[in-house]
C-alpha atoms as a PDB file:
ATOM      1  CA  UNK A   1      35.265 -10.332  -9.515  1.00  0.00           C
ATOM      2  CA  UNK A   2      35.024  -6.401 -10.478  1.00  0.00           C
ATOM      3  CA  UNK A   3      32.660  -3.885  -9.522  1.00  0.00           C
ATOM      4  CA  UNK A   4      29.026  -4.480 -10.336  1.00  0.00           C
ATOM      5  CA  UNK A   5      27.610  -2.931 -13.413  1.00  0.00           C
ATOM      6  CA  UNK A   6      24.849  -0.503 -12.576  1.00  0.00           C
ATOM      7  CA  UNK A   7      22.433   1.436 -14.869  1.00  0.00           C
ATOM      8  CA  UNK A   8      19.834   4.055 -14.390  1.00  0.00           C
ATOM      9  CA  UNK A   9      17.049   3.387 -16.546  1.00  0.00           C
ATOM     10  CA  UNK A  10      15.015   6.662 -17.483  1.00  0.00           C
ATOM     11  CA  UNK A  11      11.806   6.670 -19.220  1.00  0.00           C
ATOM     12  CA  UNK A  12      10.891  10.174 -20.723  1.00  0.00           C
ATOM     13  CA  UNK A  13       8.201  11.765 -22.965  1.00  0.00           C
ATOM     14  CA  UNK A  14       8.895  15.410 -23.619  1.00  0.00           C
ATOM     15  CA  UNK A  15      11.129  15.992 -20.537  1.00  0.00           C
ATOM     16  CA  UNK A  16      13.994  17.969 -22.387  1.00  0.00           C
ATOM     17  CA  UNK A  17      13.290  20.776 -19.825  1.00  0.00           C
ATOM     18  CA  UNK A  18      14.092  18.681 -16.814  1.00  0.00           C
ATOM     19  CA  UNK A  19      17.101  16.659 -17.780  1.00  0.00           C
ATOM     20  CA  UNK A  20      19.996  19.139 -17.087  1.00  0.00           C
ATOM     21  CA  UNK A  21      18.810  19.396 -13.476  1.00  0.00           C
ATOM     22  CA  UNK A  22      17.949  15.734 -13.134  1.00  0.00           C
ATOM     23  CA  UNK A  23      21.589  14.788 -14.650  1.00  0.00           C
ATOM     24  CA  UNK A  24      23.405  17.332 -12.407  1.00  0.00           C
ATOM     25  CA  UNK A  25      21.831  15.448  -9.423  1.00  0.00           C
ATOM     26  CA  UNK A  26      22.879  12.086 -10.852  1.00  0.00           C
ATOM     27  CA  UNK A  27      26.394  13.251 -11.241  1.00  0.00           C
ATOM     28  CA  UNK A  28      26.764  14.515  -7.636  1.00  0.00           C
ATOM     29  CA  UNK A  29      24.724  11.148  -6.182  1.00  0.00           C
ATOM     30  CA  UNK A  30      26.101   8.293  -8.368  1.00  0.00           C
ATOM     31  CA  UNK A  31      29.171   9.814 -10.424  1.00  0.00           C
ATOM     32  CA  UNK A  32      30.330   7.802 -13.315  1.00  0.00           C
ATOM     33  CA  UNK A  33      27.027   5.707 -13.487  1.00  0.00           C
ATOM     34  CA  UNK A  34      25.652   4.670 -16.931  1.00  0.00           C
ATOM     35  CA  UNK A  35      22.177   5.996 -17.797  1.00  0.00           C
ATOM     36  CA  UNK A  36      19.912   4.954 -20.534  1.00  0.00           C
ATOM     37  CA  UNK A  37      17.059   7.211 -21.498  1.00  0.00           C
ATOM     38  CA  UNK A  38      14.118   5.713 -23.246  1.00  0.00           C
ATOM     39  CA  UNK A  39      12.569   8.549 -25.464  1.00  0.00           C
ATOM     40  CA  UNK A  40       9.079   7.440 -25.450  1.00  0.00           C
ATOM     41  CA  UNK A  41       8.203   9.285 -29.114  1.00  0.00           C
ATOM     42  CA  UNK A  42       8.862  12.660 -27.572  1.00  0.00           C
ATOM     43  CA  UNK A  43       8.020  15.775 -29.724  1.00  0.00           C
ATOM     44  CA  UNK A  44      10.470  18.001 -28.151  1.00  0.00           C
ATOM     45  CA  UNK A  45      14.369  17.410 -28.189  1.00  0.00           C
ATOM     46  CA  UNK A  46      14.477  14.972 -25.154  1.00  0.00           C
ATOM     47  CA  UNK A  47      16.664  12.596 -27.053  1.00  0.00           C
ATOM     48  CA  UNK A  48      19.035  15.130 -28.212  1.00  0.00           C
ATOM     49  CA  UNK A  49      19.376  16.633 -24.786  1.00  0.00           C
ATOM     50  CA  UNK A  50      20.034  13.396 -23.152  1.00  0.00           C
ATOM     51  CA  UNK A  51      22.688  12.292 -25.733  1.00  0.00           C
ATOM     52  CA  UNK A  52      24.167  15.580 -24.994  1.00  0.00           C
ATOM     53  CA  UNK A  53      24.318  15.160 -21.190  1.00  0.00           C
ATOM     54  CA  UNK A  54      26.004  11.437 -21.831  1.00  0.00           C
ATOM     55  CA  UNK A  55      23.093   8.994 -21.623  1.00  0.00           C
ATOM     56  CA  UNK A  56      22.538   6.065 -23.974  1.00  0.00           C
ATOM     57  CA  UNK A  57      19.640   6.879 -25.784  1.00  0.00           C
ATOM     58  CA  UNK A  58      16.825   4.643 -27.065  1.00  0.00           C
ATOM     59  CA  UNK A  59      14.253   6.126 -29.479  1.00  0.00           C
ATOM     60  CA  UNK A  60      10.872   4.358 -29.731  1.00  0.00           C
ATOM     61  CA  UNK A  61       9.124   4.661 -33.081  1.00  0.00           C
ATOM     62  CA  UNK A  62       5.712   5.147 -31.418  1.00  0.00           C
ATOM     63  CA  UNK A  63       4.234   6.103 -27.967  1.00  0.00           C
ATOM     64  CA  UNK A  64       4.141   2.886 -25.985  1.00  0.00           C
ATOM     65  CA  UNK A  65       3.399   4.514 -22.864  1.00  0.00           C
ATOM     66  CA  UNK A  66       5.358   4.373 -19.599  1.00  0.00           C
ATOM     67  CA  UNK A  67       5.503   0.898 -18.711  1.00  0.00           C
ATOM     68  CA  UNK A  68       6.611  -0.030 -22.568  1.00  0.00           C
ATOM     69  CA  UNK A  69       9.338   2.518 -22.074  1.00  0.00           C
ATOM     70  CA  UNK A  70      10.369   1.228 -18.874  1.00  0.00           C
ATOM     71  CA  UNK A  71      10.576  -2.712 -20.462  1.00  0.00           C
ATOM     72  CA  UNK A  72      12.695  -1.338 -23.171  1.00  0.00           C
ATOM     73  CA  UNK A  73      15.091  -0.100 -20.525  1.00  0.00           C
ATOM     74  CA  UNK A  74      14.905  -3.646 -18.661  1.00  0.00           C
ATOM     75  CA  UNK A  75      15.920  -5.384 -22.288  1.00  0.00           C
ATOM     76  CA  UNK A  76      18.735  -3.029 -22.826  1.00  0.00           C
ATOM     77  CA  UNK A  77      20.159  -3.578 -19.335  1.00  0.00           C
ATOM     78  CA  UNK A  78      19.810  -7.459 -19.752  1.00  0.00           C
ATOM     79  CA  UNK A  79      21.281  -7.140 -23.383  1.00  0.00           C
ATOM     80  CA  UNK A  80      24.198  -5.184 -22.095  1.00  0.00           C
ATOM     81  CA  UNK A  81      25.158  -7.463 -19.023  1.00  0.00           C
ATOM     82  CA  UNK A  82      24.310  -5.072 -16.380  1.00  0.00           C
ATOM     83  CA  UNK A  83      23.967  -6.454 -12.739  1.00  0.00           C
ATOM     84  CA  UNK A  84      21.667  -3.809 -11.378  1.00  0.00           C
ATOM     85  CA  UNK A  85      19.280  -1.383 -12.622  1.00  0.00           C
ATOM     86  CA  UNK A  86      17.519   1.633 -11.113  1.00  0.00           C
ATOM     87  CA  UNK A  87      14.282   3.290 -12.221  1.00  0.00           C
ATOM     88  CA  UNK A  88      14.466   6.960 -12.267  1.00  0.00           C
ATOM     89  CA  UNK A  89      11.809   9.391 -13.519  1.00  0.00           C
ATOM     90  CA  UNK A  90      13.069  12.138 -15.901  1.00  0.00           C
ATOM     91  CA  UNK A  91      11.000  14.809 -14.416  1.00  0.00           C
ATOM     92  CA  UNK A  92      12.719  15.396 -11.073  1.00  0.00           C
ATOM     93  CA  UNK A  93      10.325  13.793  -8.972  1.00  0.00           C
ATOM     94  CA  UNK A  94      12.766  10.995  -7.761  1.00  0.00           C
ATOM     95  CA  UNK A  95      15.660  12.462  -5.735  1.00  0.00           C
ATOM     96  CA  UNK A  96      18.885  10.995  -7.059  1.00  0.00           C
ATOM     97  CA  UNK A  97      20.512  11.291  -3.717  1.00  0.00           C
ATOM     98  CA  UNK A  98      18.558   8.436  -2.580  1.00  0.00           C
ATOM     99  CA  UNK A  99      19.965   6.024  -5.112  1.00  0.00           C
ATOM    100  CA  UNK A 100      22.675   4.724  -2.647  1.00  0.00           C
ATOM    101  CA  UNK A 101      20.330   3.854  -0.191  1.00  0.00           C
ATOM    102  CA  UNK A 102      17.910   2.365  -2.549  1.00  0.00           C
ATOM    103  CA  UNK A 103      20.672  -0.026  -4.014  1.00  0.00           C
ATOM    104  CA  UNK A 104      22.220  -1.325  -0.854  1.00  0.00           C
ATOM    105  CA  UNK A 105      20.007  -4.005   0.177  1.00  0.00           C
ATOM    106  CA  UNK A 106      19.905  -5.328  -3.390  1.00  0.00           C
ATOM    107  CA  UNK A 107      23.681  -5.368  -3.949  1.00  0.00           C
ATOM    108  CA  UNK A 108      24.155  -6.937  -0.528  1.00  0.00           C
ATOM    109  CA  UNK A 109      21.911  -9.486  -1.630  1.00  0.00           C
ATOM    110  CA  UNK A 110      19.088  -8.990   1.050  1.00  0.00           C
ATOM    111  CA  UNK A 111      16.430  -8.409  -1.566  1.00  0.00           C
ATOM    112  CA  UNK A 112      15.987  -8.711  -5.099  1.00  0.00           C
ATOM    113  CA  UNK A 113      14.153  -5.291  -5.418  1.00  0.00           C
ATOM    114  CA  UNK A 114      13.856  -2.326  -3.218  1.00  0.00           C
ATOM    115  CA  UNK A 115      11.056   0.011  -3.572  1.00  0.00           C
ATOM    116  CA  UNK A 116      11.427   3.605  -2.674  1.00  0.00           C
ATOM    117  CA  UNK A 117       8.795   4.694  -0.283  1.00  0.00           C
ATOM    118  CA  UNK A 118       7.710   8.253   0.065  1.00  0.00           C
ATOM    119  CA  UNK A 119       5.543   7.584   3.197  1.00  0.00           C
ATOM    120  CA  UNK A 120       8.347   6.159   4.935  1.00  0.00           C
ATOM    121  CA  UNK A 121      10.557   8.916   3.543  1.00  0.00           C
ATOM    122  CA  UNK A 122       9.333  12.377   2.472  1.00  0.00           C
ATOM    123  CA  UNK A 123       6.810  13.502   0.196  1.00  0.00           C
ATOM    124  CA  UNK A 124       7.564  17.096  -0.528  1.00  0.00           C
ATOM    125  CA  UNK A 125       4.621  18.016  -2.761  1.00  0.00           C
ATOM    126  CA  UNK A 126       0.783  17.891  -2.908  1.00  0.00           C
ATOM    127  CA  UNK A 127      -1.093  15.143  -4.521  1.00  0.00           C
ATOM    128  CA  UNK A 128      -4.674  15.320  -5.267  1.00  0.00           C
ATOM    129  CA  UNK A 129      -7.291  13.382  -2.951  1.00  0.00           C
ATOM    130  CA  UNK A 130      -8.140  10.882  -5.638  1.00  0.00           C
ATOM    131  CA  UNK A 131      -4.520   9.820  -6.252  1.00  0.00           C
ATOM    132  CA  UNK A 132      -4.203   9.646  -2.384  1.00  0.00           C
ATOM    133  CA  UNK A 133      -7.198   7.372  -1.708  1.00  0.00           C
ATOM    134  CA  UNK A 134      -6.110   5.317  -4.861  1.00  0.00           C
ATOM    135  CA  UNK A 135      -2.460   4.884  -3.059  1.00  0.00           C
ATOM    136  CA  UNK A 136      -4.035   4.036   0.047  1.00  0.00           C
ATOM    137  CA  UNK A 137      -6.257   1.262  -1.601  1.00  0.00           C
ATOM    138  CA  UNK A 138      -3.819  -0.094  -3.520  1.00  0.00           C
ATOM    139  CA  UNK A 139      -1.383  -0.471  -0.424  1.00  0.00           C
ATOM    140  CA  UNK A 140      -4.178  -2.100   1.677  1.00  0.00           C
ATOM    141  CA  UNK A 141      -4.677  -4.571  -1.593  1.00  0.00           C
ATOM    142  CA  UNK A 142      -1.196  -5.541  -1.885  1.00  0.00           C
ATOM    143  CA  UNK A 143      -0.478  -5.895   1.774  1.00  0.00           C
ATOM    144  CA  UNK A 144      -3.538  -8.380   2.054  1.00  0.00           C
ATOM    145  CA  UNK A 145      -2.386 -10.559  -0.652  1.00  0.00           C
ATOM    146  CA  UNK A 146       1.481 -10.203  -0.338  1.00  0.00           C
ATOM    147  CA  UNK A 147       0.977 -10.789   3.650  1.00  0.00           C
ATOM    148  CA  UNK A 148       3.409  -8.200   4.351  1.00  0.00           C
ATOM    149  CA  UNK A 149       3.052  -4.267   5.022  1.00  0.00           C
ATOM    150  CA  UNK A 150       3.501  -2.197   1.914  1.00  0.00           C
ATOM    151  CA  UNK A 151       3.287   1.700   2.019  1.00  0.00           C
ATOM    152  CA  UNK A 152       3.870   2.806  -1.591  1.00  0.00           C
ATOM    153  CA  UNK A 153       2.864   0.082  -4.193  1.00  0.00           C
ATOM    154  CA  UNK A 154       2.568   2.958  -6.845  1.00  0.00           C
ATOM    155  CA  UNK A 155       6.490   4.018  -6.569  1.00  0.00           C
ATOM    156  CA  UNK A 156       8.209   3.846  -9.704  1.00  0.00           C
ATOM    157  CA  UNK A 157      11.743   4.637  -7.853  1.00  0.00           C
ATOM    158  CA  UNK A 158      13.178   1.312  -7.657  1.00  0.00           C
ATOM    159  CA  UNK A 159      16.507  -0.778  -7.541  1.00  0.00           C
ATOM    160  CA  UNK A 160      16.486  -4.248  -9.333  1.00  0.00           C
ATOM    161  CA  UNK A 161      19.197  -7.077  -9.443  1.00  0.00           C
ATOM    162  CA  UNK A 162      19.627  -8.942 -12.767  1.00  0.00           C
ATOM    163  CA  UNK A 163      17.156 -11.658 -11.907  1.00  0.00           C
ATOM    164  CA  UNK A 164      14.266  -9.156 -11.573  1.00  0.00           C
ATOM    165  CA  UNK A 165      15.531  -7.432 -14.845  1.00  0.00           C
ATOM    166  CA  UNK A 166      15.259 -10.586 -16.906  1.00  0.00           C
ATOM    167  CA  UNK A 167      12.061 -11.422 -15.423  1.00  0.00           C
ATOM    168  CA  UNK A 168      10.377  -8.200 -16.394  1.00  0.00           C
ATOM    169  CA  UNK A 169      12.359  -7.946 -19.669  1.00  0.00           C
ATOM    170  CA  UNK A 170       9.855 -10.864 -20.627  1.00  0.00           C
ATOM    171  CA  UNK A 171       6.102 -10.897 -20.734  1.00  0.00           C
ATOM    172  CA  UNK A 172       5.801  -9.858 -17.056  1.00  0.00           C
ATOM    173  CA  UNK A 173       5.479  -6.317 -17.166  1.00  0.00           C
ATOM    174  CA  UNK A 174       2.216  -3.956 -18.095  1.00  0.00           C
ATOM    175  CA  UNK A 175       2.731  -1.691 -20.975  1.00  0.00           C
ATOM    176  CA  UNK A 176       0.981   1.325 -19.536  1.00  0.00           C
ATOM    177  CA  UNK A 177       0.412   1.762 -15.854  1.00  0.00           C
ATOM    178  CA  UNK A 178       2.920  -0.971 -13.912  1.00  0.00           C
ATOM    179  CA  UNK A 179       2.304  -0.391 -10.083  1.00  0.00           C
ATOM    180  CA  UNK A 180       0.557  -2.214  -7.514  1.00  0.00           C
ATOM    181  CA  UNK A 181      -0.053  -5.430  -9.838  1.00  0.00           C
ATOM    182  CA  UNK A 182       3.836  -5.850 -10.379  1.00  0.00           C
ATOM    183  CA  UNK A 183       4.325  -5.949  -6.675  1.00  0.00           C
ATOM    184  CA  UNK A 184       2.064  -8.931  -6.519  1.00  0.00           C
ATOM    185  CA  UNK A 185       3.912 -10.542  -9.782  1.00  0.00           C
ATOM    186  CA  UNK A 186       7.036 -10.167  -8.039  1.00  0.00           C
ATOM    187  CA  UNK A 187       5.587 -11.714  -4.864  1.00  0.00           C
ATOM    188  CA  UNK A 188       4.072 -14.658  -6.452  1.00  0.00           C
ATOM    189  CA  UNK A 189       7.098 -15.336  -8.478  1.00  0.00           C
ATOM    190  CA  UNK A 190       9.024 -15.602  -5.131  1.00  0.00           C
ATOM    191  CA  UNK A 191      11.161 -12.438  -5.356  1.00  0.00           C
ATOM    192  CA  UNK A 192      12.171 -10.716  -2.126  1.00  0.00           C
ATOM    193  CA  UNK A 193      11.128  -7.065  -2.080  1.00  0.00           C
ATOM    194  CA  UNK A 194      11.835  -4.517   0.461  1.00  0.00           C
ATOM    195  CA  UNK A 195      10.822  -0.846   0.830  1.00  0.00           C
ATOM    196  CA  UNK A 196      13.497   1.852   1.422  1.00  0.00           C
ATOM    197  CA  UNK A 197      12.602   5.514   2.542  1.00  0.00           C
ATOM    198  CA  UNK A 198      13.287   8.016   0.064  1.00  0.00           C
ATOM    199  CA  UNK A 199      12.086  11.593  -1.048  1.00  0.00           C
ATOM    200  CA  UNK A 200       9.912  12.557  -3.855  1.00  0.00           C
ATOM    201  CA  UNK A 201       9.330  15.855  -5.140  1.00  0.00           C
ATOM    202  CA  UNK A 202       6.900  17.915  -7.424  1.00  0.00           C
ATOM    203  CA  UNK A 203       8.048  17.634 -11.040  1.00  0.00           C
ATOM    204  CA  UNK A 204      10.463  20.323 -12.300  1.00  0.00           C
ATOM    205  CA  UNK A 205       8.418  21.428 -15.573  1.00  0.00           C
ATOM    206  CA  UNK A 206       5.898  20.033 -17.803  1.00  0.00           C
ATOM    207  CA  UNK A 207       2.552  18.152 -17.353  1.00  0.00           C
ATOM    208  CA  UNK A 208       2.010  14.809 -15.254  1.00  0.00           C
ATOM    209  CA  UNK A 209       0.680  11.398 -17.112  1.00  0.00           C
ATOM    210  CA  UNK A 210      -1.855  11.328 -14.094  1.00  0.00           C
ATOM    211  CA  UNK A 211      -3.637  14.659 -14.680  1.00  0.00           C
ATOM    212  CA  UNK A 212      -7.370  15.659 -15.196  1.00  0.00           C
ATOM    213  CA  UNK A 213      -9.481  12.436 -15.911  1.00  0.00           C
ATOM    214  CA  UNK A 214      -6.462  10.080 -16.630  1.00  0.00           C
ATOM    215  CA  UNK A 215      -6.318   9.557 -12.800  1.00  0.00           C
ATOM    216  CA  UNK A 216      -9.579   8.095 -12.804  1.00  0.00           C
ATOM    217  CA  UNK A 217      -8.542   5.789 -15.931  1.00  0.00           C
ATOM    218  CA  UNK A 218      -5.285   4.907 -14.066  1.00  0.00           C
ATOM    219  CA  UNK A 219      -6.998   3.845 -11.030  1.00  0.00           C
ATOM    220  CA  UNK A 220      -9.515   1.364 -12.944  1.00  0.00           C
ATOM    221  CA  UNK A 221      -6.783   0.077 -15.149  1.00  0.00           C
ATOM    222  CA  UNK A 222      -4.543  -0.957 -12.195  1.00  0.00           C
ATOM    223  CA  UNK A 223      -7.280  -2.446 -10.330  1.00  0.00           C
ATOM    224  CA  UNK A 224      -8.003  -4.439 -13.478  1.00  0.00           C
ATOM    225  CA  UNK A 225      -4.217  -5.713 -13.786  1.00  0.00           C
ATOM    226  CA  UNK A 226      -4.552  -6.519  -9.923  1.00  0.00           C
ATOM    227  CA  UNK A 227      -7.746  -8.609 -10.677  1.00  0.00           C
ATOM    228  CA  UNK A 228      -6.144 -10.391 -13.783  1.00  0.00           C
ATOM    229  CA  UNK A 229      -2.803 -11.101 -11.430  1.00  0.00           C
ATOM    230  CA  UNK A 230      -4.667 -12.828  -8.637  1.00  0.00           C
ATOM    231  CA  UNK A 231      -6.860 -14.809 -11.149  1.00  0.00           C
ATOM    232  CA  UNK A 232      -3.684 -15.901 -12.880  1.00  0.00           C
ATOM    233  CA  UNK A 233      -2.040 -16.876  -9.529  1.00  0.00           C
ATOM    234  CA  UNK A 234      -5.372 -18.747  -8.382  1.00  0.00           C
ATOM    235  CA  UNK A 235      -5.011 -20.670 -11.807  1.00  0.00           C
ATOM    236  CA  UNK A 236      -1.556 -21.418 -11.941  1.00  0.00           C
ATOM    237  CA  UNK A 237      -0.785 -21.834  -8.173  1.00  0.00           C
ATOM    238  CA  UNK A 238       3.018 -21.951  -7.164  1.00  0.00           C
ATOM    239  CA  UNK A 239       4.279 -23.417 -10.252  1.00  0.00           C
ATOM    240  CA  UNK A 240       6.422 -20.628 -11.265  1.00  0.00           C
ATOM    241  CA  UNK A 241       7.582 -19.799  -7.526  1.00  0.00           C
ATOM    242  CA  UNK A 242      11.217 -19.156  -7.093  1.00  0.00           C
ATOM    243  CA  UNK A 243      12.979 -21.232  -4.428  1.00  0.00           C
ATOM    244  CA  UNK A 244      12.999 -19.354  -1.121  1.00  0.00           C
ATOM    245  CA  UNK A 245      10.204 -17.247   0.873  1.00  0.00           C
ATOM    246  CA  UNK A 246       9.207 -14.120  -0.536  1.00  0.00           C
ATOM    247  CA  UNK A 247       9.402 -11.016   1.510  1.00  0.00           C
ATOM    248  CA  UNK A 248       7.740  -7.780   1.225  1.00  0.00           C
ATOM    249  CA  UNK A 249       8.674  -5.677   4.160  1.00  0.00           C
ATOM    250  CA  UNK A 250      10.032  -1.954   4.946  1.00  0.00           C
ATOM    251  CA  UNK A 251      13.408  -0.655   6.264  1.00  0.00           C
ATOM    252  CA  UNK A 252      13.539   1.604   9.305  1.00  0.00           C
ATOM    253  CA  UNK A 253      13.882   5.015   8.787  1.00  0.00           C
END
């Protein structure tokens, strides 16, 4: 067998300013790795900059939101036959130097998905009290229903194997805010998840999608999504569970 095929899945909306620095770090951390940038109907030259930097570019005809852009990346990875995918934000918040550690348990077959935890690693930026409170509540909810400790259920810095890519490429991924609800989906489907310490930073430039009043909408929407996942699980039981016992655990620092 040859080397595993790995692709970086990078959703982006108006991130042209940030891409050169992100790609420079990617080349140092994982030289030669393929990148697909999903341009979520940007009004700047995000797509042109990404293509110039060597990425595959998929330009969406309308703004689908974060989840829709990420799922487009999953579909691209599955259709092109990649074995593993890594979700990486285009704003510079996710440190590409953490990618090898994030991939390790997935490539070694110890987990189906690895979630980068800033609370096991480092969070080199300040966040609002409302967002931090939301993170803590979501962590408590996922820990309760997954029956395993989860520290960072809102992390979008993840490594996934092909089975998870195929699962999320279907109708199993929220279109706007995929967070704690997706971890519960994975748990109930029987996938094994592990948390890995990573470093997260403040965005290089531009505005966060969680700014101002949107943080309250985000918290409400994720709670609603969690409720729906729990309701579906109660209705369906374990009919769609994969073989084997699911695990949601943390790797030591």
